[in-house]
Amino acid sequence: MGGLSMSLPAAIPRPETGAPDTGNAFGWIVTVYNNEHNTYDEVIHILIVATGCSPEEAEIETWEIDHLGKSVVHHGQMDECEGVAAVIAQIGIDVRVSQE
């Protein structure tokens, strides 16, 4: 290819905002995993009770659990997430609390 010389552009530095980048302010998530025991209605109901989400959100999360094998159903502080997980686990669903 002839005498063309190409160089990569220099990296552009990220602007300073004055605040550290900490990601999600809460830092914890609740993940629910699929099983063959609970019905859609049971899972939708327990998600609404445990998280206070809308029926529409609970339906979407239940679909994800069934079709994708899991769904993150709540974000919050550790103690809040542990409380949500304890409520969900009451109906025998595998649920985990972890840091984001």
N, C-alpha and C. Protein backbone atom coordinates (compact mmCIF):
# COMPACT_ATOMS: atom_id res chain seq x y z
N MET A 1 0.82 -1.19 0.00
CA MET A 1 0.00 0.00 0.00
C MET A 1 0.86 1.24 0.00
N GLY A 2 1.27 1.76 -0.98
CA GLY A 2 1.98 3.01 -1.14
C GLY A 2 2.62 3.58 0.11
N GLY A 3 2.84 4.80 0.20
CA GLY A 3 3.56 5.43 1.29
C GLY A 3 2.67 6.08 2.34
N LEU A 4 1.45 5.56 2.54
CA LEU A 4 0.58 6.16 3.56
C LEU A 4 1.03 5.73 4.95
N SER A 5 1.11 6.67 5.82
CA SER A 5 1.48 6.39 7.20
C SER A 5 0.34 6.85 8.09
N MET A 6 -0.17 5.92 8.92
CA MET A 6 -1.29 6.28 9.79
C MET A 6 -0.84 6.15 11.24
N SER A 7 -1.33 7.05 12.05
CA SER A 7 -1.04 6.95 13.47
C SER A 7 -2.35 7.04 14.23
N LEU A 8 -2.38 6.42 15.37
CA LEU A 8 -3.58 6.44 16.21
C LEU A 8 -3.68 7.76 16.93
N PRO A 9 -4.91 8.24 17.15
CA PRO A 9 -5.05 9.50 17.89
C PRO A 9 -4.65 9.30 19.35
N ALA A 10 -4.25 10.37 19.98
CA ALA A 10 -3.87 10.31 21.40
C ALA A 10 -5.11 10.09 22.24
N ALA A 11 -4.96 9.43 23.38
CA ALA A 11 -6.07 9.21 24.30
C ALA A 11 -6.55 10.54 24.86
N ILE A 12 -7.85 10.65 25.00
CA ILE A 12 -8.44 11.85 25.57
C ILE A 12 -8.66 11.60 27.06
N PRO A 13 -8.08 12.42 27.91
CA PRO A 13 -8.25 12.18 29.35
C PRO A 13 -9.68 12.43 29.80
N ARG A 14 -10.12 11.64 30.79
CA ARG A 14 -11.46 11.82 31.36
C ARG A 14 -11.47 13.09 32.19
N PRO A 15 -12.50 13.93 32.02
CA PRO A 15 -12.55 15.16 32.82
C PRO A 15 -12.77 14.84 34.30
N GLU A 16 -12.16 15.66 35.14
CA GLU A 16 -12.32 15.50 36.58
C GLU A 16 -13.64 16.13 37.00
N THR A 17 -14.43 15.38 37.79
CA THR A 17 -15.72 15.90 38.24
C THR A 17 -15.67 16.33 39.70
N GLY A 18 -14.58 16.01 40.38
CA GLY A 18 -14.47 16.37 41.77
C GLY A 18 -14.97 15.29 42.71
N ALA A 19 -15.77 14.34 42.20
CA ALA A 19 -16.30 13.26 43.03
C ALA A 19 -15.72 11.94 42.53
N PRO A 20 -15.36 11.06 43.44
CA PRO A 20 -14.86 9.76 42.99
C PRO A 20 -15.96 8.96 42.32
N ASP A 21 -15.59 8.13 41.36
CA ASP A 21 -16.55 7.29 40.66
C ASP A 21 -16.78 6.04 41.51
N THR A 22 -17.92 5.98 42.18
CA THR A 22 -18.20 4.85 43.06
C THR A 22 -19.23 3.90 42.47
N GLY A 23 -19.69 4.16 41.25
CA GLY A 23 -20.69 3.27 40.65
C GLY A 23 -22.02 3.46 41.34
N ASN A 24 -22.74 2.37 41.53
CA ASN A 24 -24.04 2.42 42.18
C ASN A 24 -23.86 2.82 43.64
N ALA A 25 -24.65 3.75 44.11
CA ALA A 25 -24.54 4.23 45.48
C ALA A 25 -24.91 3.16 46.50
N PHE A 26 -25.71 2.18 46.10
CA PHE A 26 -26.14 1.15 47.03
C PHE A 26 -25.12 0.02 47.11
N GLY A 27 -24.71 -0.50 45.97
CA GLY A 27 -23.64 -1.47 45.93
C GLY A 27 -24.02 -2.93 46.10
N TRP A 28 -25.28 -3.27 46.37
CA TRP A 28 -25.69 -4.66 46.58
C TRP A 28 -26.88 -4.99 45.69
N ILE A 29 -26.96 -6.25 45.29
CA ILE A 29 -28.06 -6.70 44.44
C ILE A 29 -28.65 -8.00 44.98
N VAL A 30 -29.91 -8.24 44.60
CA VAL A 30 -30.59 -9.49 44.89
C VAL A 30 -30.85 -10.17 43.56
N THR A 31 -30.34 -11.39 43.41
CA THR A 31 -30.53 -12.17 42.19
C THR A 31 -31.38 -13.39 42.51
N VAL A 32 -32.41 -13.61 41.71
CA VAL A 32 -33.29 -14.76 41.87
C VAL A 32 -33.02 -15.73 40.73
N TYR A 33 -32.96 -17.03 41.06
CA TYR A 33 -32.65 -18.07 40.08
C TYR A 33 -33.87 -18.94 39.80
N ASN A 34 -33.94 -19.47 38.61
CA ASN A 34 -35.06 -20.29 38.17
C ASN A 34 -35.10 -21.62 38.91
N ASN A 35 -36.31 -22.13 39.07
CA ASN A 35 -36.50 -23.48 39.58
C ASN A 35 -37.72 -24.09 38.90
N GLU A 36 -37.97 -25.34 39.15
CA GLU A 36 -39.10 -26.03 38.53
C GLU A 36 -40.26 -26.18 39.50
N HIS A 37 -40.24 -25.47 40.63
CA HIS A 37 -41.24 -25.67 41.67
C HIS A 37 -42.28 -24.56 41.74
N ASN A 38 -41.87 -23.32 41.55
CA ASN A 38 -42.79 -22.20 41.74
C ASN A 38 -43.46 -21.79 40.43
N THR A 39 -44.73 -21.38 40.55
CA THR A 39 -45.48 -20.91 39.39
C THR A 39 -45.15 -19.44 39.12
N TYR A 40 -45.50 -18.98 37.92
CA TYR A 40 -45.33 -17.57 37.58
C TYR A 40 -46.05 -16.69 38.61
N ASP A 41 -47.30 -17.05 38.91
CA ASP A 41 -48.08 -16.24 39.84
C ASP A 41 -47.43 -16.15 41.22
N GLU A 42 -46.86 -17.25 41.70
CA GLU A 42 -46.18 -17.23 43.00
C GLU A 42 -44.98 -16.29 42.98
N VAL A 43 -44.19 -16.38 41.92
CA VAL A 43 -42.99 -15.55 41.82
C VAL A 43 -43.36 -14.08 41.67
N ILE A 44 -44.33 -13.79 40.81
CA ILE A 44 -44.77 -12.39 40.65
C ILE A 44 -45.24 -11.83 41.98
N HIS A 45 -46.06 -12.60 42.69
CA HIS A 45 -46.59 -12.13 43.97
C HIS A 45 -45.47 -11.86 44.98
N ILE A 46 -44.53 -12.78 45.12
CA ILE A 46 -43.48 -12.61 46.13
C ILE A 46 -42.54 -11.46 45.77
N LEU A 47 -42.31 -11.23 44.48
CA LEU A 47 -41.47 -10.09 44.08
C LEU A 47 -42.14 -8.77 44.43
N ILE A 48 -43.45 -8.69 44.23
CA ILE A 48 -44.18 -7.47 44.58
C ILE A 48 -44.13 -7.25 46.09
N VAL A 49 -44.36 -8.31 46.86
CA VAL A 49 -44.34 -8.21 48.33
C VAL A 49 -42.94 -7.83 48.82
N ALA A 50 -41.92 -8.51 48.31
CA ALA A 50 -40.55 -8.33 48.82
C ALA A 50 -39.92 -7.01 48.40
N THR A 51 -40.17 -6.59 47.16
CA THR A 51 -39.46 -5.41 46.64
C THR A 51 -40.32 -4.16 46.52
N GLY A 52 -41.65 -4.34 46.55
CA GLY A 52 -42.53 -3.19 46.37
C GLY A 52 -42.61 -2.73 44.92
N CYS A 53 -42.18 -3.58 43.99
CA CYS A 53 -42.21 -3.21 42.57
C CYS A 53 -43.64 -3.30 42.04
N SER A 54 -43.84 -2.78 40.85
CA SER A 54 -45.14 -2.85 40.20
C SER A 54 -45.38 -4.26 39.67
N PRO A 55 -46.65 -4.62 39.44
CA PRO A 55 -46.93 -5.93 38.84
C PRO A 55 -46.24 -6.10 37.48
N GLU A 56 -46.15 -5.02 36.72
CA GLU A 56 -45.50 -5.09 35.41
C GLU A 56 -44.02 -5.43 35.54
N GLU A 57 -43.35 -4.78 36.49
CA GLU A 57 -41.92 -5.06 36.70
C GLU A 57 -41.73 -6.50 37.18
N ALA A 58 -42.59 -6.94 38.08
CA ALA A 58 -42.51 -8.31 38.59
C ALA A 58 -42.71 -9.33 37.47
N GLU A 59 -43.61 -9.03 36.54
CA GLU A 59 -43.83 -9.93 35.41
C GLU A 59 -42.60 -10.01 34.51
N ILE A 60 -41.96 -8.88 34.26
CA ILE A 60 -40.75 -8.85 33.44
C ILE A 60 -39.63 -9.64 34.12
N GLU A 61 -39.44 -9.42 35.41
CA GLU A 61 -38.39 -10.13 36.13
C GLU A 61 -38.67 -11.63 36.19
N THR A 62 -39.94 -12.01 36.34
CA THR A 62 -40.31 -13.42 36.36
C THR A 62 -40.04 -14.06 35.00
N TRP A 63 -40.33 -13.33 33.92
CA TRP A 63 -40.02 -13.84 32.58
C TRP A 63 -38.51 -14.06 32.44
N GLU A 64 -37.72 -13.09 32.91
CA GLU A 64 -36.25 -13.23 32.84
C GLU A 64 -35.78 -14.45 33.64
N ILE A 65 -36.33 -14.64 34.82
CA ILE A 65 -35.96 -15.79 35.64
C ILE A 65 -36.24 -17.08 34.89
N ASP A 66 -37.41 -17.17 34.29
CA ASP A 66 -37.81 -18.39 33.57
C ASP A 66 -37.00 -18.61 32.30
N HIS A 67 -36.80 -17.55 31.52
CA HIS A 67 -36.17 -17.70 30.21
C HIS A 67 -34.65 -17.53 30.20
N LEU A 68 -34.13 -16.75 31.16
CA LEU A 68 -32.68 -16.50 31.20
C LEU A 68 -32.00 -17.23 32.35
N GLY A 69 -32.80 -17.83 33.22
CA GLY A 69 -32.25 -18.59 34.34
C GLY A 69 -32.06 -17.80 35.61
N LYS A 70 -32.11 -16.47 35.51
CA LYS A 70 -31.95 -15.61 36.69
C LYS A 70 -32.34 -14.19 36.33
N SER A 71 -32.53 -13.39 37.38
CA SER A 71 -32.82 -11.97 37.19
C SER A 71 -32.39 -11.20 38.43
N VAL A 72 -31.80 -10.03 38.23
CA VAL A 72 -31.53 -9.12 39.34
C VAL A 72 -32.85 -8.40 39.62
N VAL A 73 -33.38 -8.60 40.83
CA VAL A 73 -34.70 -8.08 41.14
C VAL A 73 -34.69 -6.89 42.10
N HIS A 74 -33.51 -6.59 42.66
CA HIS A 74 -33.46 -5.47 43.59
C HIS A 74 -32.02 -4.96 43.72
N HIS A 75 -31.90 -3.65 43.91
CA HIS A 75 -30.63 -2.98 44.21
C HIS A 75 -30.81 -2.23 45.52
N GLY A 76 -29.83 -2.25 46.38
CA GLY A 76 -29.95 -1.52 47.63
C GLY A 76 -28.74 -1.68 48.52
N GLN A 77 -28.89 -1.28 49.76
CA GLN A 77 -27.84 -1.48 50.74
C GLN A 77 -27.90 -2.93 51.21
N MET A 78 -26.82 -3.41 51.79
CA MET A 78 -26.70 -4.83 52.14
C MET A 78 -27.85 -5.31 53.02
N ASP A 79 -28.16 -4.59 54.10
CA ASP A 79 -29.20 -5.06 55.00
C ASP A 79 -30.58 -5.07 54.34
N GLU A 80 -30.84 -4.10 53.50
CA GLU A 80 -32.10 -4.06 52.76
C GLU A 80 -32.20 -5.25 51.82
N CYS A 81 -31.12 -5.53 51.09
CA CYS A 81 -31.11 -6.66 50.15
C CYS A 81 -31.26 -7.99 50.88
N GLU A 82 -30.64 -8.12 52.03
CA GLU A 82 -30.79 -9.36 52.80
C GLU A 82 -32.23 -9.56 53.25
N GLY A 83 -32.92 -8.47 53.61
CA GLY A 83 -34.32 -8.56 53.98
C GLY A 83 -35.20 -8.97 52.82
N VAL A 84 -34.96 -8.37 51.65
CA VAL A 84 -35.70 -8.73 50.43
C VAL A 84 -35.47 -10.19 50.10
N ALA A 85 -34.23 -10.64 50.15
CA ALA A 85 -33.90 -12.03 49.83
C ALA A 85 -34.57 -13.00 50.80
N ALA A 86 -34.64 -12.64 52.08
CA ALA A 86 -35.27 -13.51 53.07
C ALA A 86 -36.75 -13.70 52.78
N VAL A 87 -37.43 -12.65 52.35
CA VAL A 87 -38.84 -12.75 52.00
C VAL A 87 -39.02 -13.65 50.78
N ILE A 88 -38.21 -13.43 49.76
CA ILE A 88 -38.31 -14.23 48.52
C ILE A 88 -38.02 -15.70 48.81
N ALA A 89 -37.03 -15.97 49.63
CA ALA A 89 -36.63 -17.35 49.93
C ALA A 89 -37.72 -18.14 50.65
N GLN A 90 -38.68 -17.45 51.26
CA GLN A 90 -39.75 -18.13 51.99
C GLN A 90 -40.56 -19.09 51.12
N ILE A 91 -40.59 -18.85 49.82
CA ILE A 91 -41.36 -19.76 48.96
C ILE A 91 -40.46 -20.78 48.25
N GLY A 92 -39.21 -20.89 48.70
CA GLY A 92 -38.32 -21.92 48.19
C GLY A 92 -37.51 -21.57 46.96
N ILE A 93 -37.47 -20.30 46.63
CA ILE A 93 -36.69 -19.85 45.47
C ILE A 93 -35.23 -19.66 45.87
N ASP A 94 -34.30 -20.05 44.99
CA ASP A 94 -32.88 -19.81 45.21
C ASP A 94 -32.61 -18.33 44.95
N VAL A 95 -32.15 -17.64 45.96
CA VAL A 95 -31.92 -16.20 45.87
C VAL A 95 -30.58 -15.89 46.52
N ARG A 96 -29.84 -14.95 45.92
CA ARG A 96 -28.50 -14.59 46.42
C ARG A 96 -28.38 -13.08 46.54
N VAL A 97 -27.67 -12.66 47.58
CA VAL A 97 -27.32 -11.26 47.76
C VAL A 97 -25.82 -11.15 47.50
N SER A 98 -25.46 -10.19 46.67
CA SER A 98 -24.04 -10.01 46.36
C SER A 98 -23.75 -8.55 46.07
N GLN A 99 -22.46 -8.22 46.11
CA GLN A 99 -22.06 -6.86 45.74
C GLN A 99 -22.10 -6.72 44.23
N GLU A 100 -22.45 -5.51 43.80
CA GLU A 100 -22.48 -5.25 42.35
C GLU A 100 -21.09 -5.25 41.80
